C-alpha cells in the first residue's frame, strides 16, 4: 500500500533544507547548498527547485536580495514536529493518540532496559 502523504508532510530532503533555514536564518540557494554539500553533491538547480517547492507548500517565503532570492522558514521546528506527529497518529496509529503514547512508552522502556 502506498504511503498517503498529507500537505503537512516534509520529505527527508525538504527537512534537511528546513533544518538549514532554522539554524542559519534567511539564506540564498547557494548558502543552503553550501550547508547541504557535506552530506551529498547537489546541483544548484536541485536545491533551488526544492526551495521553490517548499515555497509553494507555504513552508518558506522568499524575497529578492541583490541578484538572488533569499529564503526563510515560515514553519517553526515546533510546528513541523506537531504536523509530523499528527501525520503519524493519522496514518500509523489509526487516529489514536493513545496508541502513539503506548508505543512511545514501550520504546522508552526498551531503551532504558538496554542501557542497564
N, C-alpha and C. Protein backbone atom coordinates (compact mmCIF):
# COMPACT_ATOMS: atom_id res chain seq x y z
N UNK A 1 0.84 -1.18 0.00
CA UNK A 1 0.00 0.00 0.00
C UNK A 1 0.89 1.24 0.00
N UNK A 2 0.61 2.19 -0.86
CA UNK A 2 1.39 3.42 -0.95
C UNK A 2 1.12 4.30 0.26
N UNK A 3 2.17 4.96 0.71
CA UNK A 3 2.05 5.85 1.86
C UNK A 3 1.28 7.09 1.46
N UNK A 4 0.21 7.37 2.18
CA UNK A 4 -0.58 8.57 1.93
C UNK A 4 0.19 9.77 2.46
N UNK A 5 0.39 10.76 1.62
CA UNK A 5 1.16 11.93 2.00
C UNK A 5 0.21 13.11 2.20
N UNK A 6 0.31 13.77 3.33
CA UNK A 6 -0.53 14.92 3.57
C UNK A 6 0.19 16.17 3.11
N UNK A 7 -0.52 17.28 3.09
CA UNK A 7 0.10 18.54 2.71
C UNK A 7 1.09 18.99 3.76
N UNK A 8 0.99 18.44 4.96
CA UNK A 8 1.89 18.83 6.03
C UNK A 8 3.24 18.15 5.95
N UNK A 9 3.27 16.98 5.35
CA UNK A 9 4.48 16.16 5.35
C UNK A 9 5.65 16.86 4.68
N UNK A 10 6.82 16.66 5.28
CA UNK A 10 8.06 17.09 4.66
C UNK A 10 8.84 15.84 4.29
N UNK A 11 9.38 15.82 3.09
CA UNK A 11 10.24 14.71 2.70
C UNK A 11 11.54 14.83 3.49
N UNK A 12 12.34 13.76 3.55
CA UNK A 12 13.62 13.87 4.25
C UNK A 12 14.52 14.98 3.69
N UNK A 13 14.53 15.16 2.39
CA UNK A 13 15.35 16.22 1.78
C UNK A 13 14.80 17.60 2.14
N UNK A 14 13.48 17.76 2.10
CA UNK A 14 12.88 19.03 2.49
C UNK A 14 13.21 19.34 3.95
N UNK A 15 13.19 18.32 4.78
CA UNK A 15 13.51 18.51 6.19
C UNK A 15 14.96 18.97 6.37
N UNK A 16 15.88 18.41 5.60
CA UNK A 16 17.28 18.86 5.66
C UNK A 16 17.40 20.34 5.31
N UNK A 17 16.68 20.74 4.28
CA UNK A 17 16.70 22.15 3.88
C UNK A 17 16.10 23.03 4.97
N UNK A 18 14.98 22.60 5.53
CA UNK A 18 14.35 23.37 6.61
C UNK A 18 15.30 23.50 7.80
N UNK A 19 16.04 22.43 8.11
CA UNK A 19 16.98 22.49 9.23
C UNK A 19 18.07 23.53 8.98
N UNK A 20 18.52 23.67 7.74
CA UNK A 20 19.49 24.71 7.40
C UNK A 20 18.87 26.09 7.67
N UNK A 21 17.64 26.29 7.21
CA UNK A 21 16.99 27.59 7.41
C UNK A 21 16.73 27.87 8.89
N UNK A 22 16.35 26.85 9.65
CA UNK A 22 16.13 27.04 11.09
C UNK A 22 17.44 27.41 11.79
N UNK A 23 18.53 26.78 11.39
CA UNK A 23 19.82 27.03 12.06
C UNK A 23 20.48 28.33 11.61
N UNK A 24 20.34 28.68 10.34
CA UNK A 24 21.09 29.81 9.78
C UNK A 24 20.24 31.02 9.44
N UNK A 25 18.94 30.89 9.51
CA UNK A 25 18.07 32.01 9.17
C UNK A 25 18.02 32.23 7.67
N UNK A 26 17.56 33.41 7.25
CA UNK A 26 17.42 33.69 5.82
C UNK A 26 18.69 33.38 5.05
N UNK A 27 18.54 32.62 3.96
CA UNK A 27 19.69 32.13 3.20
C UNK A 27 19.37 32.08 1.72
N UNK A 28 20.40 32.26 0.90
CA UNK A 28 20.27 32.12 -0.55
C UNK A 28 20.37 30.64 -0.91
N UNK A 29 20.06 30.32 -2.15
CA UNK A 29 20.19 28.94 -2.63
C UNK A 29 21.64 28.48 -2.44
N UNK A 30 22.57 29.34 -2.80
CA UNK A 30 24.00 29.00 -2.69
C UNK A 30 24.37 28.69 -1.23
N UNK A 31 23.87 29.50 -0.29
CA UNK A 31 24.17 29.28 1.12
C UNK A 31 23.56 27.97 1.63
N UNK A 32 22.31 27.70 1.24
CA UNK A 32 21.67 26.45 1.65
C UNK A 32 22.45 25.27 1.06
N UNK A 33 22.78 25.36 -0.21
CA UNK A 33 23.54 24.28 -0.87
C UNK A 33 24.87 24.06 -0.18
N UNK A 34 25.53 25.13 0.22
CA UNK A 34 26.81 25.01 0.90
C UNK A 34 26.70 24.26 2.22
N UNK A 35 25.59 24.43 2.90
CA UNK A 35 25.38 23.71 4.17
C UNK A 35 25.01 22.25 3.93
N UNK A 36 24.37 21.96 2.79
CA UNK A 36 23.98 20.59 2.47
C UNK A 36 25.10 19.81 1.81
N UNK A 37 26.03 20.52 1.18
CA UNK A 37 27.06 19.88 0.37
C UNK A 37 27.86 18.80 1.10
N UNK A 38 28.20 19.00 2.39
CA UNK A 38 28.93 17.92 3.04
C UNK A 38 28.14 16.60 3.06
N UNK A 39 26.82 16.68 3.00
CA UNK A 39 26.00 15.47 3.04
C UNK A 39 25.95 14.78 1.68
N UNK A 40 25.98 15.55 0.61
CA UNK A 40 25.94 14.95 -0.72
C UNK A 40 26.25 16.03 -1.76
N UNK A 41 26.63 15.61 -2.91
CA UNK A 41 26.86 16.54 -4.01
C UNK A 41 25.52 16.88 -4.66
N UNK A 42 25.12 18.10 -4.53
CA UNK A 42 23.83 18.52 -5.07
C UNK A 42 24.01 19.64 -6.08
N UNK A 43 23.26 19.57 -7.15
CA UNK A 43 23.27 20.64 -8.13
C UNK A 43 22.55 21.86 -7.56
N UNK A 44 23.01 23.02 -7.93
CA UNK A 44 22.38 24.27 -7.53
C UNK A 44 20.90 24.24 -7.87
N UNK A 45 20.58 23.80 -9.09
CA UNK A 45 19.19 23.77 -9.55
C UNK A 45 18.32 22.84 -8.71
N UNK A 46 18.89 21.76 -8.19
CA UNK A 46 18.13 20.84 -7.34
C UNK A 46 17.70 21.53 -6.06
N UNK A 47 18.63 22.23 -5.43
CA UNK A 47 18.32 22.95 -4.19
C UNK A 47 17.32 24.07 -4.47
N UNK A 48 17.51 24.78 -5.56
CA UNK A 48 16.59 25.86 -5.93
C UNK A 48 15.19 25.32 -6.17
N UNK A 49 15.08 24.21 -6.86
CA UNK A 49 13.78 23.59 -7.12
C UNK A 49 13.10 23.21 -5.81
N UNK A 50 13.85 22.61 -4.90
CA UNK A 50 13.25 22.18 -3.63
C UNK A 50 12.83 23.39 -2.79
N UNK A 51 13.60 24.46 -2.80
CA UNK A 51 13.20 25.67 -2.08
C UNK A 51 11.91 26.24 -2.69
N UNK A 52 11.79 26.18 -4.00
CA UNK A 52 10.57 26.66 -4.66
C UNK A 52 9.37 25.77 -4.33
N UNK A 53 9.60 24.46 -4.23
CA UNK A 53 8.54 23.53 -3.81
C UNK A 53 8.09 23.88 -2.40
N UNK A 54 9.05 24.11 -1.50
CA UNK A 54 8.72 24.49 -0.12
C UNK A 54 7.96 25.81 -0.07
N UNK A 55 8.30 26.72 -0.98
CA UNK A 55 7.55 27.98 -1.03
C UNK A 55 6.11 27.73 -1.47
N UNK A 56 5.92 26.91 -2.48
CA UNK A 56 4.56 26.59 -2.94
C UNK A 56 3.75 25.89 -1.85
N UNK A 57 4.42 25.08 -1.03
CA UNK A 57 3.75 24.41 0.08
C UNK A 57 3.46 25.36 1.24
N UNK A 58 4.01 26.58 1.17
CA UNK A 58 3.79 27.54 2.24
C UNK A 58 4.71 27.36 3.43
N UNK A 59 5.79 26.60 3.27
CA UNK A 59 6.73 26.33 4.37
C UNK A 59 7.83 27.39 4.45
N UNK A 60 8.16 28.01 3.31
CA UNK A 60 9.16 29.07 3.29
C UNK A 60 8.63 30.26 2.51
N UNK A 61 9.26 31.40 2.71
CA UNK A 61 9.00 32.61 1.92
C UNK A 61 10.31 33.04 1.30
N UNK A 62 10.20 33.91 0.31
CA UNK A 62 11.42 34.41 -0.33
C UNK A 62 11.24 35.87 -0.70
N UNK A 63 12.38 36.54 -0.83
CA UNK A 63 12.40 37.92 -1.34
C UNK A 63 13.70 38.11 -2.11
N UNK A 64 13.67 39.07 -2.99
CA UNK A 64 14.85 39.37 -3.80
C UNK A 64 15.90 40.04 -2.93
N UNK A 65 17.12 39.52 -2.99
CA UNK A 65 18.27 40.15 -2.31
C UNK A 65 19.37 40.25 -3.35
N UNK A 66 19.65 41.46 -3.79
CA UNK A 66 20.59 41.69 -4.89
C UNK A 66 20.10 40.93 -6.12
N UNK A 67 20.92 40.02 -6.63
CA UNK A 67 20.53 39.28 -7.84
C UNK A 67 19.99 37.90 -7.55
N UNK A 68 19.82 37.56 -6.28
CA UNK A 68 19.36 36.22 -5.92
C UNK A 68 18.19 36.33 -4.94
N UNK A 69 17.49 35.23 -4.77
CA UNK A 69 16.43 35.17 -3.76
C UNK A 69 17.01 34.73 -2.43
N UNK A 70 16.41 35.24 -1.38
CA UNK A 70 16.73 34.84 -0.03
C UNK A 70 15.50 34.13 0.52
N UNK A 71 15.69 32.96 1.11
CA UNK A 71 14.59 32.14 1.62
C UNK A 71 14.67 32.09 3.13
N UNK A 72 13.52 32.04 3.78
CA UNK A 72 13.46 31.85 5.22
C UNK A 72 12.24 31.01 5.56
N UNK A 73 12.30 30.38 6.70
CA UNK A 73 11.24 29.46 7.11
C UNK A 73 10.03 30.21 7.64
N UNK A 74 8.87 29.82 7.17
CA UNK A 74 7.60 30.27 7.77
C UNK A 74 7.14 29.28 8.82
N UNK A 75 7.68 28.08 8.75
CA UNK A 75 7.29 26.97 9.61
C UNK A 75 8.35 26.79 10.70
N UNK A 76 7.95 26.86 11.95
CA UNK A 76 8.92 26.66 13.04
C UNK A 76 9.17 25.16 13.22
N UNK A 77 10.25 24.84 13.93
CA UNK A 77 10.53 23.44 14.22
C UNK A 77 9.40 22.83 15.04
N UNK A 78 8.83 23.60 15.95
CA UNK A 78 7.73 23.11 16.78
C UNK A 78 6.50 22.79 15.93
N UNK A 79 6.21 23.65 14.95
CA UNK A 79 5.08 23.40 14.06
C UNK A 79 5.33 22.16 13.20
N UNK A 80 6.56 21.99 12.73
CA UNK A 80 6.90 20.81 11.93
C UNK A 80 6.74 19.54 12.75
N UNK A 81 7.19 19.58 14.01
CA UNK A 81 7.03 18.42 14.89
C UNK A 81 5.56 18.11 15.12
N UNK A 82 4.77 19.14 15.37
CA UNK A 82 3.34 18.97 15.60
C UNK A 82 2.67 18.35 14.36
N UNK A 83 3.02 18.83 13.18
CA UNK A 83 2.45 18.29 11.95
C UNK A 83 2.87 16.85 11.72
N UNK A 84 4.15 16.55 12.00
CA UNK A 84 4.64 15.17 11.83
C UNK A 84 3.93 14.22 12.79
N UNK A 85 3.72 14.66 14.03
CA UNK A 85 3.01 13.82 14.99
C UNK A 85 1.57 13.57 14.56
N UNK A 86 0.91 14.59 14.05
CA UNK A 86 -0.46 14.41 13.55
C UNK A 86 -0.48 13.42 12.38
N UNK A 87 0.53 13.50 11.51
CA UNK A 87 0.62 12.55 10.39
C UNK A 87 0.79 11.13 10.91
N UNK A 88 1.68 10.95 11.89
CA UNK A 88 1.93 9.61 12.45
C UNK A 88 0.66 9.06 13.09
N UNK A 89 0.01 9.89 13.89
CA UNK A 89 -1.22 9.43 14.55
C UNK A 89 -2.27 9.06 13.52
N UNK A 90 -2.44 9.87 12.51
CA UNK A 90 -3.45 9.60 11.49
C UNK A 90 -3.13 8.42 10.61
N UNK A 91 -1.87 8.27 10.22
CA UNK A 91 -1.51 7.26 9.24
C UNK A 91 -1.10 5.93 9.85
N UNK A 92 -0.43 5.96 10.99
CA UNK A 92 0.11 4.73 11.56
C UNK A 92 -0.69 4.27 12.77
N UNK A 93 -1.16 5.20 13.55
CA UNK A 93 -1.85 4.86 14.81
C UNK A 93 -3.36 4.92 14.67
N UNK A 94 -3.85 4.92 13.45
CA UNK A 94 -5.30 4.90 13.17
C UNK A 94 -6.04 6.02 13.89
N UNK A 95 -5.39 7.17 14.02
CA UNK A 95 -6.02 8.33 14.65
C UNK A 95 -6.02 8.30 16.16
N UNK A 96 -5.35 7.32 16.75
CA UNK A 96 -5.37 7.16 18.21
C UNK A 96 -4.09 7.69 18.84
N UNK A 97 -4.22 8.78 19.60
CA UNK A 97 -3.09 9.32 20.34
C UNK A 97 -2.66 8.34 21.43
N UNK A 98 -3.62 7.58 21.97
CA UNK A 98 -3.30 6.59 22.99
C UNK A 98 -2.34 5.52 22.45
N UNK A 99 -2.56 5.11 21.18
CA UNK A 99 -1.65 4.13 20.56
C UNK A 99 -0.25 4.71 20.42
N UNK A 100 -0.17 5.99 20.04
CA UNK A 100 1.14 6.63 19.93
C UNK A 100 1.84 6.67 21.28
N UNK A 101 1.11 7.10 22.31
CA UNK A 101 1.70 7.19 23.64
C UNK A 101 2.12 5.82 24.16
N UNK A 102 1.33 4.79 23.92
CA UNK A 102 1.69 3.44 24.34
C UNK A 102 2.96 2.98 23.63
N UNK A 103 3.06 3.28 22.35
CA UNK A 103 4.24 2.90 21.58
C UNK A 103 5.48 3.63 22.07
N UNK A 104 5.34 4.91 22.34
CA UNK A 104 6.48 5.69 22.85
C UNK A 104 6.91 5.17 24.22
N UNK A 105 5.96 4.89 25.06
CA UNK A 105 6.26 4.37 26.41
C UNK A 105 6.99 3.03 26.32
N UNK A 106 6.52 2.14 25.46
CA UNK A 106 7.16 0.84 25.29
C UNK A 106 8.58 1.00 24.74
N UNK A 107 8.74 1.86 23.76
CA UNK A 107 10.06 2.08 23.17
C UNK A 107 11.02 2.67 24.21
N UNK A 108 10.54 3.56 25.02
CA UNK A 108 11.38 4.17 26.07
C UNK A 108 11.80 3.12 27.10
N UNK A 109 10.87 2.28 27.49
CA UNK A 109 11.20 1.23 28.46
C UNK A 109 12.23 0.26 27.89
N UNK A 110 12.09 -0.09 26.62
CA UNK A 110 13.04 -0.99 25.97
C UNK A 110 14.43 -0.34 25.90
N UNK A 111 14.48 0.94 25.60
CA UNK A 111 15.75 1.66 25.53
C UNK A 111 16.41 1.73 26.90
N UNK A 112 15.62 1.98 27.92
CA UNK A 112 16.16 2.05 29.29
C UNK A 112 16.70 0.68 29.72
N UNK A 113 16.01 -0.40 29.37
CA UNK A 113 16.48 -1.72 29.76
C UNK A 113 17.77 -2.10 29.03
N UNK A 114 17.98 -1.61 27.82
CA UNK A 114 19.22 -1.84 27.08
C UNK A 114 20.39 -1.13 27.74
N UNK A 115 20.12 0.03 28.33
CA UNK A 115 21.18 0.83 28.94
C UNK A 115 21.63 0.27 30.29
N UNK A 116 20.84 -0.60 30.88
CA UNK A 116 21.19 -1.15 32.21
C UNK A 116 22.19 -2.25 32.13
